[in-house]
Amino acid sequence: MLDAILSPLPVETTQGPNPLSPNVPGSDEASPVVGPTRAIEALVSLLKRSNPRCPPEVKANVCTLLSQLGRKGGRTTRERETEVEKLKITAKDTLVKCSQGDDLFGKAAKKVLEVWESA
């Protein structure tokens, strides 16, 4: 799972319309739109954005996934530890900002950071 989230996405998914990017008035629809290049970037973008179509439960589920991927595991190789560290570096700033809220999502973000601190 960690490999899938940190690996580069196929070229087909990084070009074309990006559902995570807002439509900019006056922009040329023929111009290429570059989306996230890795799944972790798409997940972090989802956490950052304030979108009424994305309920807090979905963001809390993303937090649960990040928590599980970043927690201390049994037998991990040095390479795997490096990958987990990349995950944490990519998501930590966003999680810190999101953890300020007292709603379900804010509490979930706070929990991720607590789990990562104990790892």
N, C-alpha and C. Protein backbone atom coordinates (compact mmCIF):
# COMPACT_ATOMS: atom_id res chain seq x y z
N MET A 1 0.83 -1.18 0.00
CA MET A 1 0.00 0.00 0.00
C MET A 1 0.87 1.25 0.00
N LEU A 2 1.91 1.24 0.82
CA LEU A 2 2.80 2.39 0.90
C LEU A 2 3.46 2.66 -0.45
N ASP A 3 3.86 1.59 -1.13
CA ASP A 3 4.47 1.76 -2.45
C ASP A 3 3.50 2.41 -3.43
N ALA A 4 2.25 1.99 -3.39
CA ALA A 4 1.25 2.53 -4.31
C ALA A 4 1.01 4.02 -4.06
N ILE A 5 1.04 4.43 -2.82
CA ILE A 5 0.77 5.83 -2.48
C ILE A 5 1.95 6.74 -2.82
N LEU A 6 3.16 6.22 -2.70
CA LEU A 6 4.34 7.05 -2.92
C LEU A 6 4.90 6.96 -4.34
N SER A 7 4.51 5.95 -5.09
CA SER A 7 5.01 5.78 -6.45
C SER A 7 4.38 6.80 -7.39
N PRO A 8 5.11 7.17 -8.44
CA PRO A 8 4.53 8.09 -9.43
C PRO A 8 3.30 7.49 -10.08
N LEU A 9 2.30 8.32 -10.32
CA LEU A 9 1.09 7.88 -11.00
C LEU A 9 1.38 7.71 -12.49
N PRO A 10 0.58 6.89 -13.17
CA PRO A 10 0.75 6.77 -14.64
C PRO A 10 0.52 8.12 -15.30
N VAL A 11 1.14 8.34 -16.42
CA VAL A 11 1.05 9.62 -17.14
C VAL A 11 -0.40 9.97 -17.46
N GLU A 12 -1.23 8.98 -17.76
CA GLU A 12 -2.62 9.25 -18.11
C GLU A 12 -3.37 9.94 -16.98
N THR A 13 -3.01 9.68 -15.75
CA THR A 13 -3.73 10.27 -14.63
C THR A 13 -3.20 11.64 -14.23
N THR A 14 -2.03 12.01 -14.70
CA THR A 14 -1.47 13.30 -14.32
C THR A 14 -1.71 14.38 -15.36
N GLN A 15 -2.32 14.02 -16.48
CA GLN A 15 -2.63 15.01 -17.51
C GLN A 15 -4.12 15.04 -17.75
N GLY A 16 -4.61 16.12 -18.26
CA GLY A 16 -6.03 16.24 -18.52
C GLY A 16 -6.75 16.92 -17.37
N PRO A 17 -8.07 16.86 -17.38
CA PRO A 17 -8.84 17.54 -16.34
C PRO A 17 -8.50 16.99 -14.96
N ASN A 18 -8.31 17.89 -14.03
CA ASN A 18 -7.97 17.51 -12.66
C ASN A 18 -9.15 17.84 -11.76
N PRO A 19 -9.85 16.81 -11.24
CA PRO A 19 -11.01 17.10 -10.40
C PRO A 19 -10.65 17.75 -9.08
N LEU A 20 -9.37 17.74 -8.71
CA LEU A 20 -8.95 18.35 -7.46
C LEU A 20 -8.63 19.83 -7.61
N SER A 21 -8.51 20.29 -8.85
CA SER A 21 -8.18 21.70 -9.09
C SER A 21 -9.45 22.46 -9.46
N PRO A 22 -9.59 23.66 -8.91
CA PRO A 22 -10.76 24.46 -9.27
C PRO A 22 -10.65 24.97 -10.69
N ASN A 23 -11.79 25.17 -11.33
CA ASN A 23 -11.78 25.76 -12.67
C ASN A 23 -11.48 27.23 -12.53
N VAL A 24 -10.52 27.69 -13.30
CA VAL A 24 -10.14 29.09 -13.27
C VAL A 24 -10.83 29.79 -14.43
N PRO A 25 -11.66 30.80 -14.13
CA PRO A 25 -12.34 31.53 -15.21
C PRO A 25 -11.31 32.11 -16.19
N GLY A 26 -11.64 31.96 -17.47
CA GLY A 26 -10.76 32.51 -18.49
C GLY A 26 -9.61 31.61 -18.85
N SER A 27 -9.50 30.44 -18.22
CA SER A 27 -8.40 29.54 -18.57
C SER A 27 -8.78 28.77 -19.82
N ASP A 28 -7.79 28.41 -20.57
CA ASP A 28 -7.98 27.68 -21.81
C ASP A 28 -8.12 26.20 -21.49
N GLU A 29 -9.28 25.62 -21.85
CA GLU A 29 -9.49 24.21 -21.55
C GLU A 29 -8.57 23.31 -22.35
N ALA A 30 -8.02 23.81 -23.44
CA ALA A 30 -7.10 23.01 -24.25
C ALA A 30 -5.71 22.96 -23.65
N SER A 31 -5.42 23.87 -22.73
CA SER A 31 -4.10 23.87 -22.13
C SER A 31 -3.98 22.69 -21.17
N PRO A 32 -2.83 22.07 -21.14
CA PRO A 32 -2.67 20.90 -20.28
C PRO A 32 -2.75 21.29 -18.80
N VAL A 33 -3.46 20.49 -18.04
CA VAL A 33 -3.57 20.68 -16.61
C VAL A 33 -2.81 19.54 -15.96
N VAL A 34 -1.86 19.87 -15.15
CA VAL A 34 -1.07 18.84 -14.50
C VAL A 34 -1.60 18.65 -13.09
N GLY A 35 -1.99 17.43 -12.80
CA GLY A 35 -2.52 17.10 -11.48
C GLY A 35 -1.42 16.55 -10.60
N PRO A 36 -1.81 15.94 -9.51
CA PRO A 36 -0.83 15.34 -8.61
C PRO A 36 -0.03 14.25 -9.34
N THR A 37 1.22 14.14 -9.00
CA THR A 37 2.05 13.12 -9.66
C THR A 37 2.14 11.84 -8.84
N ARG A 38 1.70 11.90 -7.58
CA ARG A 38 1.67 10.71 -6.73
C ARG A 38 0.35 10.71 -5.96
N ALA A 39 -0.10 9.53 -5.57
CA ALA A 39 -1.37 9.43 -4.84
C ALA A 39 -1.31 10.20 -3.52
N ILE A 40 -0.16 10.22 -2.86
CA ILE A 40 -0.05 10.95 -1.59
C ILE A 40 -0.34 12.43 -1.80
N GLU A 41 0.07 12.97 -2.93
CA GLU A 41 -0.19 14.37 -3.23
C GLU A 41 -1.69 14.62 -3.40
N ALA A 42 -2.39 13.67 -4.02
CA ALA A 42 -3.84 13.80 -4.18
C ALA A 42 -4.54 13.72 -2.82
N LEU A 43 -4.07 12.83 -1.94
CA LEU A 43 -4.66 12.70 -0.61
C LEU A 43 -4.42 13.95 0.23
N VAL A 44 -3.23 14.49 0.17
CA VAL A 44 -2.92 15.72 0.92
C VAL A 44 -3.74 16.88 0.36
N SER A 45 -3.90 16.94 -0.94
CA SER A 45 -4.71 17.99 -1.56
C SER A 45 -6.16 17.89 -1.07
N LEU A 46 -6.67 16.68 -0.97
CA LEU A 46 -8.02 16.47 -0.46
C LEU A 46 -8.15 16.98 0.97
N LEU A 47 -7.13 16.75 1.79
CA LEU A 47 -7.16 17.22 3.18
C LEU A 47 -7.11 18.74 3.26
N LYS A 48 -6.36 19.37 2.37
CA LYS A 48 -6.17 20.83 2.40
C LYS A 48 -7.43 21.59 1.97
N ARG A 49 -8.12 21.05 1.00
CA ARG A 49 -9.22 21.79 0.37
C ARG A 49 -10.47 21.80 1.22
N SER A 50 -11.14 22.92 1.19
CA SER A 50 -12.44 23.05 1.84
C SER A 50 -13.48 22.85 0.74
N ASN A 51 -14.05 21.67 0.69
CA ASN A 51 -14.98 21.33 -0.37
C ASN A 51 -16.24 20.72 0.26
N PRO A 52 -17.39 21.35 0.09
CA PRO A 52 -18.61 20.82 0.70
C PRO A 52 -19.00 19.45 0.15
N ARG A 53 -18.48 19.09 -1.02
CA ARG A 53 -18.78 17.76 -1.58
C ARG A 53 -17.95 16.66 -0.93
N CYS A 54 -16.98 17.04 -0.13
CA CYS A 54 -16.13 16.07 0.55
C CYS A 54 -16.43 16.11 2.04
N PRO A 55 -17.21 15.16 2.54
CA PRO A 55 -17.59 15.19 3.95
C PRO A 55 -16.39 14.96 4.86
N PRO A 56 -16.46 15.45 6.10
CA PRO A 56 -15.35 15.27 7.04
C PRO A 56 -15.02 13.79 7.29
N GLU A 57 -16.01 12.92 7.12
CA GLU A 57 -15.76 11.49 7.32
C GLU A 57 -14.76 10.94 6.31
N VAL A 58 -14.81 11.46 5.08
CA VAL A 58 -13.85 11.02 4.06
C VAL A 58 -12.45 11.47 4.44
N LYS A 59 -12.33 12.71 4.90
CA LYS A 59 -11.02 13.22 5.32
C LYS A 59 -10.52 12.46 6.55
N ALA A 60 -11.43 12.10 7.44
CA ALA A 60 -11.04 11.31 8.62
C ALA A 60 -10.55 9.93 8.19
N ASN A 61 -11.17 9.36 7.16
CA ASN A 61 -10.71 8.06 6.64
C ASN A 61 -9.32 8.16 6.03
N VAL A 62 -9.05 9.26 5.34
CA VAL A 62 -7.70 9.47 4.80
C VAL A 62 -6.70 9.55 5.95
N CYS A 63 -7.09 10.23 7.02
CA CYS A 63 -6.22 10.32 8.20
C CYS A 63 -5.95 8.94 8.79
N THR A 64 -6.98 8.11 8.85
CA THR A 64 -6.81 6.75 9.37
C THR A 64 -5.82 5.97 8.51
N LEU A 65 -5.93 6.11 7.20
CA LEU A 65 -5.00 5.44 6.29
C LEU A 65 -3.57 5.92 6.53
N LEU A 66 -3.39 7.24 6.62
CA LEU A 66 -2.05 7.79 6.85
C LEU A 66 -1.49 7.33 8.20
N SER A 67 -2.36 7.25 9.18
CA SER A 67 -1.94 6.79 10.50
C SER A 67 -1.42 5.36 10.44
N GLN A 68 -2.15 4.51 9.75
CA GLN A 68 -1.75 3.11 9.64
C GLN A 68 -0.45 2.95 8.87
N LEU A 69 -0.30 3.72 7.81
CA LEU A 69 0.91 3.62 6.99
C LEU A 69 2.14 4.16 7.72
N GLY A 70 1.95 5.14 8.59
CA GLY A 70 3.08 5.77 9.26
C GLY A 70 3.40 5.23 10.63
N ARG A 71 2.59 4.29 11.10
CA ARG A 71 2.84 3.78 12.46
C ARG A 71 4.02 2.83 12.48
N LYS A 72 4.52 2.63 13.66
CA LYS A 72 5.67 1.76 13.84
C LYS A 72 5.23 0.32 13.60
N GLY A 73 5.91 -0.35 12.72
CA GLY A 73 5.57 -1.73 12.39
C GLY A 73 6.55 -2.70 13.03
N GLY A 74 6.29 -3.95 12.79
CA GLY A 74 7.15 -4.99 13.34
C GLY A 74 8.53 -5.00 12.69
N ARG A 75 8.64 -5.76 11.64
CA ARG A 75 9.93 -5.87 10.95
C ARG A 75 9.94 -4.94 9.74
N THR A 76 10.63 -3.85 9.86
CA THR A 76 10.74 -2.93 8.74
C THR A 76 12.19 -2.80 8.31
N THR A 77 12.39 -2.73 7.04
CA THR A 77 13.73 -2.56 6.51
C THR A 77 14.09 -1.09 6.50
N ARG A 78 15.33 -0.81 6.33
CA ARG A 78 15.78 0.58 6.26
C ARG A 78 15.12 1.29 5.08
N GLU A 79 14.96 0.59 3.96
CA GLU A 79 14.31 1.18 2.79
C GLU A 79 12.85 1.54 3.12
N ARG A 80 12.16 0.66 3.82
CA ARG A 80 10.77 0.92 4.18
C ARG A 80 10.68 2.10 5.15
N GLU A 81 11.61 2.20 6.07
CA GLU A 81 11.64 3.33 7.00
C GLU A 81 11.81 4.64 6.24
N THR A 82 12.62 4.61 5.20
CA THR A 82 12.83 5.79 4.36
C THR A 82 11.53 6.18 3.66
N GLU A 83 10.80 5.20 3.17
CA GLU A 83 9.53 5.46 2.49
C GLU A 83 8.50 6.04 3.47
N VAL A 84 8.44 5.49 4.67
CA VAL A 84 7.52 6.00 5.69
C VAL A 84 7.88 7.45 6.02
N GLU A 85 9.15 7.74 6.10
CA GLU A 85 9.59 9.11 6.39
C GLU A 85 9.17 10.06 5.28
N LYS A 86 9.24 9.62 4.02
CA LYS A 86 8.78 10.44 2.88
C LYS A 86 7.30 10.75 3.02
N LEU A 87 6.53 9.74 3.42
CA LEU A 87 5.10 9.93 3.63
C LEU A 87 4.85 10.99 4.69
N LYS A 88 5.55 10.88 5.79
CA LYS A 88 5.37 11.83 6.89
C LYS A 88 5.76 13.24 6.49
N ILE A 89 6.86 13.37 5.79
CA ILE A 89 7.32 14.69 5.36
C ILE A 89 6.30 15.34 4.43
N THR A 90 5.71 14.55 3.54
CA THR A 90 4.75 15.08 2.58
C THR A 90 3.47 15.55 3.25
N ALA A 91 3.01 14.84 4.27
CA ALA A 91 1.69 15.12 4.85
C ALA A 91 1.71 15.91 6.15
N LYS A 92 2.84 15.99 6.83
CA LYS A 92 2.86 16.52 8.19
C LYS A 92 2.37 17.97 8.30
N ASP A 93 2.85 18.87 7.47
CA ASP A 93 2.44 20.28 7.57
C ASP A 93 0.92 20.43 7.43
N THR A 94 0.35 19.72 6.50
CA THR A 94 -1.10 19.78 6.30
C THR A 94 -1.83 19.22 7.51
N LEU A 95 -1.34 18.11 8.04
CA LEU A 95 -1.99 17.51 9.21
C LEU A 95 -1.91 18.43 10.42
N VAL A 96 -0.80 19.12 10.59
CA VAL A 96 -0.66 20.05 11.72
C VAL A 96 -1.70 21.15 11.61
N LYS A 97 -1.87 21.72 10.42
CA LYS A 97 -2.86 22.78 10.22
C LYS A 97 -4.27 22.25 10.44
N CYS A 98 -4.53 21.06 9.95
CA CYS A 98 -5.88 20.49 10.06
C CYS A 98 -6.22 20.05 11.48
N SER A 99 -5.21 19.76 12.27
CA SER A 99 -5.45 19.25 13.63
C SER A 99 -5.94 20.35 14.59
N GLN A 100 -6.01 21.59 14.12
CA GLN A 100 -6.45 22.68 14.97
C GLN A 100 -7.96 22.65 15.20
N GLY A 101 -8.70 21.97 14.34
CA GLY A 101 -10.15 21.92 14.48
C GLY A 101 -10.60 20.92 15.52
N ASP A 102 -11.81 21.14 16.03
CA ASP A 102 -12.38 20.24 17.03
C ASP A 102 -13.42 19.30 16.43
N ASP A 103 -13.58 19.34 15.11
CA ASP A 103 -14.53 18.45 14.48
C ASP A 103 -13.92 17.07 14.27
N LEU A 104 -14.66 16.17 13.66
CA LEU A 104 -14.21 14.80 13.43
C LEU A 104 -12.88 14.78 12.67
N PHE A 105 -12.78 15.59 11.64
CA PHE A 105 -11.56 15.65 10.83
C PHE A 105 -10.38 16.18 11.63
N GLY A 106 -10.58 17.23 12.39
CA GLY A 106 -9.50 17.80 13.20
C GLY A 106 -8.98 16.80 14.22
N LYS A 107 -9.89 16.07 14.85
CA LYS A 107 -9.50 15.05 15.83
C LYS A 107 -8.75 13.91 15.15
N ALA A 108 -9.17 13.54 13.95
CA ALA A 108 -8.50 12.46 13.22
C ALA A 108 -7.08 12.89 12.83
N ALA A 109 -6.92 14.13 12.39
CA ALA A 109 -5.59 14.64 12.03
C ALA A 109 -4.68 14.66 13.25
N LYS A 110 -5.24 15.07 14.39
CA LYS A 110 -4.48 15.10 15.64
C LYS A 110 -4.02 13.69 16.02
N LYS A 111 -4.89 12.72 15.82
CA LYS A 111 -4.58 11.32 16.15
C LYS A 111 -3.44 10.80 15.28
N VAL A 112 -3.43 11.17 14.00
CA VAL A 112 -2.34 10.75 13.11
C VAL A 112 -1.01 11.25 13.65
N LEU A 113 -0.97 12.50 14.01
CA LEU A 113 0.27 13.08 14.51
C LEU A 113 0.71 12.40 15.82
N GLU A 114 -0.24 12.05 16.68
CA GLU A 114 0.10 11.34 17.92
C GLU A 114 0.67 9.96 17.62
N VAL A 115 0.05 9.25 16.69
CA VAL A 115 0.55 7.92 16.32
C VAL A 115 1.95 8.02 15.73
N TRP A 116 2.14 9.02 14.87
CA TRP A 116 3.45 9.19 14.24
C TRP A 116 4.51 9.56 15.27
N GLU A 117 4.14 10.35 16.27
CA GLU A 117 5.11 10.73 17.31
C GLU A 117 5.56 9.52 18.11
N SER A 118 4.65 8.57 18.33
CA SER A 118 5.00 7.40 19.13
C SER A 118 5.74 6.35 18.33
N ALA A 119 5.79 6.54 17.01
CA ALA A 119 6.48 5.55 16.15
C ALA A 119 7.96 5.77 16.14
